[in-house]
């Protein structure tokens, strides 16, 4: 997956999510917030399906950790 999302936009998209969360919940939350299409697409293409917190999501998107 291309790592093109802005980290700040990603964190904004994750605001208000109750963790642990699944990929579908992350995508739905981001769409409801009007998040950039690029960020929503990256969230929906994540291979992992369960996330324990926003740092876990960031690691999956940006490949760190």
N, C-alpha and C. Protein backbone atom coordinates (compact mmCIF):
# COMPACT_ATOMS: atom_id res chain seq x y z
N UNK A 1 0.85 -1.18 0.00
CA UNK A 1 0.00 0.00 0.00
C UNK A 1 0.89 1.23 0.00
N UNK A 2 0.54 2.19 -0.79
CA UNK A 2 1.27 3.45 -0.82
C UNK A 2 1.00 4.20 0.48
N UNK A 3 2.05 4.72 1.05
CA UNK A 3 1.91 5.44 2.31
C UNK A 3 1.90 6.94 2.00
N UNK A 4 0.73 7.43 1.60
CA UNK A 4 0.65 8.80 1.14
C UNK A 4 -0.19 9.70 2.02
N UNK A 5 -0.88 9.14 2.99
CA UNK A 5 -1.74 9.95 3.84
C UNK A 5 -0.93 10.90 4.71
N UNK A 6 -1.55 12.01 5.00
CA UNK A 6 -1.00 12.98 5.93
C UNK A 6 -1.27 12.47 7.34
N UNK A 7 -0.24 12.33 8.18
CA UNK A 7 -0.43 11.82 9.53
C UNK A 7 -1.43 12.64 10.35
N UNK A 8 -1.45 13.93 10.15
CA UNK A 8 -2.38 14.79 10.88
C UNK A 8 -3.81 14.50 10.45
N UNK A 9 -4.03 14.36 9.16
CA UNK A 9 -5.38 14.04 8.67
C UNK A 9 -5.83 12.67 9.15
N UNK A 10 -4.89 11.74 9.21
CA UNK A 10 -5.22 10.41 9.71
C UNK A 10 -5.69 10.49 11.16
N UNK A 11 -4.96 11.21 11.99
CA UNK A 11 -5.34 11.33 13.39
C UNK A 11 -6.69 12.03 13.56
N UNK A 12 -6.96 13.03 12.72
CA UNK A 12 -8.27 13.69 12.75
C UNK A 12 -9.38 12.69 12.41
N UNK A 13 -9.11 11.84 11.43
CA UNK A 13 -10.09 10.84 10.99
C UNK A 13 -10.39 9.83 12.09
N UNK A 14 -9.42 9.62 12.97
CA UNK A 14 -9.57 8.61 14.02
C UNK A 14 -10.19 9.17 15.30
N UNK A 15 -10.38 10.48 15.34
CA UNK A 15 -10.96 11.10 16.53
C UNK A 15 -12.35 10.58 16.81
N UNK A 16 -12.60 10.22 18.06
CA UNK A 16 -13.92 9.75 18.46
C UNK A 16 -14.15 8.26 18.29
N UNK A 17 -13.17 7.54 17.77
CA UNK A 17 -13.31 6.09 17.60
C UNK A 17 -13.16 5.40 18.96
N UNK A 18 -14.04 4.45 19.23
CA UNK A 18 -13.94 3.63 20.43
C UNK A 18 -13.11 2.40 20.11
N UNK A 19 -12.01 2.22 20.83
CA UNK A 19 -11.10 1.09 20.62
C UNK A 19 -11.33 0.03 21.67
N UNK A 20 -11.07 -1.24 21.32
CA UNK A 20 -10.60 -1.70 20.01
C UNK A 20 -11.67 -1.48 18.95
N UNK A 21 -11.19 -1.28 17.72
CA UNK A 21 -12.08 -1.01 16.60
C UNK A 21 -11.69 -1.87 15.41
N UNK A 22 -12.68 -2.18 14.58
CA UNK A 22 -12.36 -2.91 13.36
C UNK A 22 -12.20 -1.92 12.21
N UNK A 23 -11.68 -2.41 11.11
CA UNK A 23 -11.42 -1.58 9.93
C UNK A 23 -12.68 -0.87 9.46
N UNK A 24 -13.80 -1.57 9.44
CA UNK A 24 -15.06 -0.98 8.97
C UNK A 24 -15.47 0.22 9.84
N UNK A 25 -15.27 0.11 11.14
CA UNK A 25 -15.60 1.21 12.04
C UNK A 25 -14.71 2.43 11.78
N UNK A 26 -13.44 2.18 11.51
CA UNK A 26 -12.52 3.28 11.21
C UNK A 26 -12.94 4.01 9.94
N UNK A 27 -13.29 3.23 8.92
CA UNK A 27 -13.70 3.81 7.63
C UNK A 27 -14.99 4.61 7.80
N UNK A 28 -15.95 4.04 8.49
CA UNK A 28 -17.23 4.71 8.71
C UNK A 28 -17.03 6.03 9.46
N UNK A 29 -16.22 6.00 10.51
CA UNK A 29 -15.94 7.20 11.29
C UNK A 29 -15.29 8.27 10.42
N UNK A 30 -14.31 7.87 9.62
CA UNK A 30 -13.61 8.81 8.75
C UNK A 30 -14.57 9.43 7.73
N UNK A 31 -15.42 8.61 7.14
CA UNK A 31 -16.39 9.12 6.16
C UNK A 31 -17.36 10.11 6.81
N UNK A 32 -17.81 9.79 8.02
CA UNK A 32 -18.74 10.68 8.73
C UNK A 32 -18.10 12.02 9.04
N UNK A 33 -16.79 12.06 9.22
CA UNK A 33 -16.06 13.29 9.52
C UNK A 33 -15.71 14.07 8.25
N UNK A 34 -16.01 13.51 7.08
CA UNK A 34 -15.66 14.19 5.83
C UNK A 34 -14.17 14.17 5.54
N UNK A 35 -13.52 13.12 5.98
CA UNK A 35 -12.07 12.96 5.82
C UNK A 35 -11.71 12.86 4.34
N UNK A 36 -10.49 13.34 4.01
CA UNK A 36 -9.99 13.26 2.63
C UNK A 36 -10.14 11.84 2.09
N UNK A 37 -10.53 11.77 0.82
CA UNK A 37 -10.75 10.47 0.16
C UNK A 37 -9.52 9.57 0.25
N UNK A 38 -8.36 10.14 0.10
CA UNK A 38 -7.11 9.38 0.15
C UNK A 38 -6.95 8.64 1.48
N UNK A 39 -7.28 9.32 2.58
CA UNK A 39 -7.16 8.72 3.91
C UNK A 39 -8.19 7.61 4.07
N UNK A 40 -9.41 7.84 3.63
CA UNK A 40 -10.47 6.83 3.73
C UNK A 40 -10.08 5.59 2.93
N UNK A 41 -9.53 5.79 1.75
CA UNK A 41 -9.12 4.65 0.92
C UNK A 41 -8.00 3.85 1.59
N UNK A 42 -7.07 4.55 2.22
CA UNK A 42 -5.99 3.83 2.90
C UNK A 42 -6.53 3.03 4.09
N UNK A 43 -7.44 3.62 4.82
CA UNK A 43 -8.04 2.89 5.94
C UNK A 43 -8.78 1.65 5.45
N UNK A 44 -9.51 1.79 4.37
CA UNK A 44 -10.30 0.65 3.87
C UNK A 44 -9.42 -0.44 3.28
N UNK A 45 -8.19 -0.10 2.90
CA UNK A 45 -7.31 -1.11 2.30
C UNK A 45 -6.34 -1.74 3.30
N UNK A 46 -6.46 -1.38 4.57
CA UNK A 46 -5.58 -1.99 5.57
C UNK A 46 -5.80 -3.50 5.64
N UNK A 47 -4.72 -4.23 5.77
CA UNK A 47 -4.80 -5.69 5.85
C UNK A 47 -5.28 -6.16 7.22
N UNK A 48 -4.87 -5.46 8.24
CA UNK A 48 -5.26 -5.80 9.61
C UNK A 48 -6.72 -5.40 9.82
N UNK A 49 -7.44 -6.16 10.64
CA UNK A 49 -8.86 -5.86 10.82
C UNK A 49 -9.20 -5.36 12.23
N UNK A 50 -8.30 -5.48 13.17
CA UNK A 50 -8.58 -5.03 14.55
C UNK A 50 -7.46 -4.11 15.00
N UNK A 51 -7.84 -3.00 15.60
CA UNK A 51 -6.88 -2.00 16.04
C UNK A 51 -7.16 -1.65 17.50
N UNK A 52 -6.08 -1.59 18.30
CA UNK A 52 -6.22 -1.34 19.72
C UNK A 52 -6.17 0.15 20.09
N UNK A 53 -5.78 1.00 19.14
CA UNK A 53 -5.73 2.43 19.40
C UNK A 53 -5.23 3.16 18.17
N UNK A 54 -5.23 4.50 18.21
CA UNK A 54 -4.79 5.27 17.04
C UNK A 54 -3.34 5.01 16.65
N UNK A 55 -2.48 4.73 17.64
CA UNK A 55 -1.09 4.42 17.30
C UNK A 55 -0.99 3.13 16.50
N UNK A 56 -1.84 2.18 16.82
CA UNK A 56 -1.90 0.90 16.11
C UNK A 56 -2.29 1.14 14.64
N UNK A 57 -3.24 2.04 14.43
CA UNK A 57 -3.68 2.37 13.06
C UNK A 57 -2.54 3.06 12.31
N UNK A 58 -1.90 4.02 12.96
CA UNK A 58 -0.79 4.73 12.32
C UNK A 58 0.32 3.78 11.90
N UNK A 59 0.63 2.82 12.76
CA UNK A 59 1.66 1.84 12.42
C UNK A 59 1.26 1.03 11.20
N UNK A 60 -0.02 0.67 11.11
CA UNK A 60 -0.50 -0.10 9.96
C UNK A 60 -0.45 0.72 8.68
N UNK A 61 -0.79 2.00 8.77
CA UNK A 61 -0.81 2.86 7.58
C UNK A 61 0.60 3.21 7.12
N UNK A 62 1.44 3.59 8.08
CA UNK A 62 2.77 4.09 7.72
C UNK A 62 3.88 3.05 7.84
N UNK A 63 3.53 1.85 8.27
CA UNK A 63 4.50 0.76 8.32
C UNK A 63 5.58 0.91 9.36
N UNK A 64 5.27 1.57 10.45
CA UNK A 64 6.27 1.76 11.52
C UNK A 64 5.91 0.87 12.69
N UNK A 65 6.91 0.26 13.25
CA UNK A 65 6.67 -0.54 14.45
C UNK A 65 6.47 -1.99 14.21
